[in-house]
Protein backbone atom coordinates (compact mmCIF):
# COMPACT_ATOMS: atom_id res chain seq x y z
CA MET A 1 43.08 31.95 39.77
CA PRO A 2 40.55 29.47 39.12
CA TYR A 3 42.60 27.73 36.13
CA LEU A 4 45.51 27.26 38.82
CA ILE A 5 43.16 25.49 41.17
CA ARG A 6 41.64 23.30 38.27
CA THR A 7 44.91 22.41 37.19
CA THR A 8 46.27 21.67 40.73
CA ILE A 9 43.28 19.31 41.27
CA LEU A 10 43.77 17.84 38.04
CA ALA A 11 47.31 16.87 38.74
CA ALA A 12 46.68 15.86 42.17
CA ALA A 13 43.93 13.46 40.82
CA VAL A 14 46.42 11.94 38.40
CA ALA A 15 49.06 11.24 40.66
CA THR A 16 46.44 9.74 43.02
CA ALA A 17 45.41 7.49 40.28
CA ALA A 18 48.95 6.44 39.42
CA ALA A 19 49.78 5.79 43.27
CA ALA A 20 46.78 3.63 43.36
CA ALA A 21 47.88 1.20 40.59
CA PRO A 22 49.32 -1.87 42.67
CA LYS A 23 52.90 -2.92 42.11
CA VAL A 24 53.57 -6.38 40.30
CA ALA A 25 55.86 -8.95 41.85
CA GLU A 26 55.30 -11.83 39.70
CA ILE A 27 54.30 -12.37 36.09
CA ASP A 28 53.86 -16.21 35.27
CA VAL A 29 52.70 -17.47 31.96
CA ASP A 30 52.22 -21.50 31.32
CA ALA A 31 51.01 -22.44 28.07
CA ASP A 32 50.35 -26.03 26.59
CA LEU A 33 51.66 -25.60 23.02
CA THR A 34 50.96 -29.28 21.94
CA SER A 35 47.73 -27.96 19.91
CA ILE A 36 49.95 -26.11 17.78
CA SER A 37 50.57 -28.11 14.39
CA GLY A 38 52.87 -27.30 11.63
CA TYR A 39 56.44 -26.41 11.63
CA GLN A 40 55.87 -22.86 10.50
CA SER A 41 53.19 -22.03 13.36
CA ALA A 42 55.44 -23.73 16.10
CA SER A 43 58.36 -21.91 15.02
CA VAL A 44 56.76 -18.37 15.61
CA TRP A 45 54.52 -19.50 18.60
CA GLY A 46 56.97 -21.74 20.63
CA SER A 47 58.11 -18.82 22.62
CA LEU A 48 54.61 -17.70 23.57
CA GLU A 49 55.28 -18.07 27.50
CA ALA A 50 58.47 -15.77 27.56
CA ASP A 51 57.01 -13.29 24.96
CA LEU A 52 53.71 -12.72 26.73
CA GLU A 53 55.45 -12.35 30.10
CA THR A 54 57.70 -9.80 28.37
CA ALA A 55 54.72 -8.00 26.82
CA LEU A 56 53.02 -7.79 30.38
CA ALA A 57 56.23 -6.43 31.91
CA LYS A 58 56.52 -3.69 29.01
CA GLU A 59 52.82 -2.72 29.78
CA LEU A 60 53.44 -2.47 33.37
CA ALA A 61 56.97 -1.16 33.44
CA GLY A 62 56.15 1.43 36.14
CA GLN A 63 54.43 -0.88 38.26
CA ILE A 64 57.09 -3.77 38.64
CA ALA A 65 58.07 -4.15 42.27
CA ALA A 66 61.64 -4.10 43.11
CA GLU A 67 63.71 -7.17 43.56
CA GLY A 68 63.21 -8.25 47.30
CA ALA A 69 60.22 -6.03 47.82
CA GLU A 70 57.49 -7.45 50.27
CA GLU A 71 55.39 -9.61 48.03
CA GLU A 72 52.39 -9.18 50.33
CA ALA A 73 52.25 -5.80 48.90
CA ALA A 74 52.33 -6.51 45.17
CA ALA A 75 50.19 -8.33 42.73
CA GLU A 76 50.98 -11.61 41.16
CA ILE A 77 49.78 -12.36 37.70
CA LYS A 78 49.31 -15.91 36.59
CA ILE A 79 48.12 -16.86 33.24
CA GLU A 80 47.38 -20.48 31.93
CA ILE A 81 47.05 -20.37 28.23
CA ASP A 82 44.36 -22.96 27.55
CA SER A 83 44.12 -22.94 23.77
CA VAL A 84 45.82 -21.41 20.58
CA ALA A 85 43.63 -22.03 17.72
CA LEU A 86 45.30 -21.47 14.06
CA ALA A 87 43.10 -22.14 11.36
CA ASP A 88 44.83 -21.70 7.96
CA ASN A 89 43.69 -19.16 5.78
CA PHE A 90 41.77 -21.68 3.66
CA GLU A 91 39.92 -22.81 6.68
CA ARG A 92 39.24 -19.14 7.73
CA ALA A 93 37.92 -18.48 4.28
CA LEU A 94 35.65 -21.19 4.36
CA GLY A 95 34.39 -20.05 7.75
CA VAL A 96 35.14 -23.29 9.56
CA GLY A 97 38.17 -22.18 11.49
CA GLU A 98 39.37 -19.37 13.63
CA TRP A 99 42.34 -17.76 15.01
CA GLN A 100 42.37 -17.07 18.77
CA LEU A 101 44.50 -17.20 21.91
CA LYS A 102 42.52 -18.30 24.95
CA GLY A 103 43.74 -18.38 28.50
CA ASP A 104 42.56 -18.15 32.09
CA VAL A 105 44.01 -14.93 33.95
CA ASP A 106 44.48 -14.94 37.60
CA ILE A 107 45.42 -11.68 39.35
CA ASP A 108 46.23 -11.93 43.12
CA MET A 109 45.97 -8.44 44.43
CA PRO A 110 47.68 -7.21 47.81
CA ASP A 111 43.91 -7.04 49.11
CA ALA A 112 42.42 -10.42 48.62
CA SER A 113 38.99 -9.00 48.26
CA GLU A 114 40.31 -7.39 44.85
CA ASP A 115 41.65 -10.60 43.34
CA LEU A 116 40.41 -11.07 39.54
CA ARG A 117 39.85 -14.34 37.96
CA TYR A 118 38.63 -14.31 34.26
CA ASP A 119 38.78 -16.23 31.02
CA LEU A 120 40.21 -14.23 28.24
CA THR A 121 39.97 -14.97 24.55
CA VAL A 122 41.59 -12.62 21.95
CA THR A 123 40.73 -13.35 18.42
CA ALA A 124 41.95 -12.25 15.01
CA ASP A 125 38.90 -9.87 14.55
CA GLN A 126 40.32 -8.10 17.56
CA VAL A 127 44.02 -7.40 16.51
CA ASN A 128 43.75 -5.48 13.43
CA ALA A 129 44.40 -2.17 15.53
CA TYR A 130 47.63 -3.86 16.69
CA PHE A 131 48.88 -4.42 13.16
CA PRO A 132 51.58 -2.05 12.09
CA ALA A 133 50.27 0.77 9.75
CA GLY A 134 49.87 -0.14 6.34
CA THR A 135 49.50 -3.87 6.92
CA ASP A 136 47.48 -5.62 4.35
CA VAL A 137 45.40 -7.92 6.63
CA SER A 138 44.15 -10.15 3.69
CA VAL A 139 47.77 -11.47 3.45
CA VAL A 140 48.62 -11.79 7.15
CA THR A 141 49.02 -15.66 8.20
CA VAL A 142 49.11 -17.14 11.59
CA ASP A 143 52.66 -18.09 11.29
CA SER A 144 53.62 -14.37 10.54
CA ASP A 145 55.38 -12.40 13.09
CA ILE A 146 52.99 -9.58 12.67
CA PHE A 147 50.08 -11.60 13.51
CA TYR A 148 51.91 -13.17 16.39
CA HIS A 149 52.93 -10.07 18.06
CA ALA A 150 49.63 -8.44 17.51
CA MET A 151 47.95 -11.22 19.43
CA ILE A 152 50.33 -11.11 22.23
CA ARG A 153 50.18 -7.26 22.53
CA ALA A 154 46.17 -7.46 22.63
CA PHE A 155 46.27 -10.08 25.19
CA ALA A 156 48.97 -8.26 27.34
CA GLU A 157 47.08 -4.93 27.19
CA ASN A 158 43.81 -6.44 28.30
CA VAL A 159 45.41 -7.91 31.46
CA ALA A 160 47.57 -4.83 32.29
CA SER A 161 44.23 -2.66 31.99
CA LYS A 162 43.02 -4.55 34.86
CA LEU A 163 46.19 -3.21 37.08
CA LYS A 164 46.13 0.54 36.00
């Protein structure tokens, strides 16, 4: 009997936590991509805004508010990407450059007292966990899809974690 009670309490706690996560009505990413130089990098990073919005929507799939739902009862995420630093491998080897994605995150919650505003910087050192298994990190470059998607996923997971 105690096992059944503990299981019931645990299930209720999980359900309460899931219900407490706010719905999300809007995800808006704005990025100034003029700082990206080089054709290769620009071709990979050119869709940063849409890709980050999509990654956030995937992370928050169960929390996306239905079309036409009351916006007052849902959170809004606004991200302004300030900079994308894409040092080449030579600069990184010399220690004079870095790879980072930096932006201002503004999460307007249904209850204004819970609003979140913070700067988020994701660096290359933080994204190794997001590379596919077996990736040789010594050959990953800023203009590779593997690196790009790892940076996007790391950024999106951080923002989504604030809403779960």
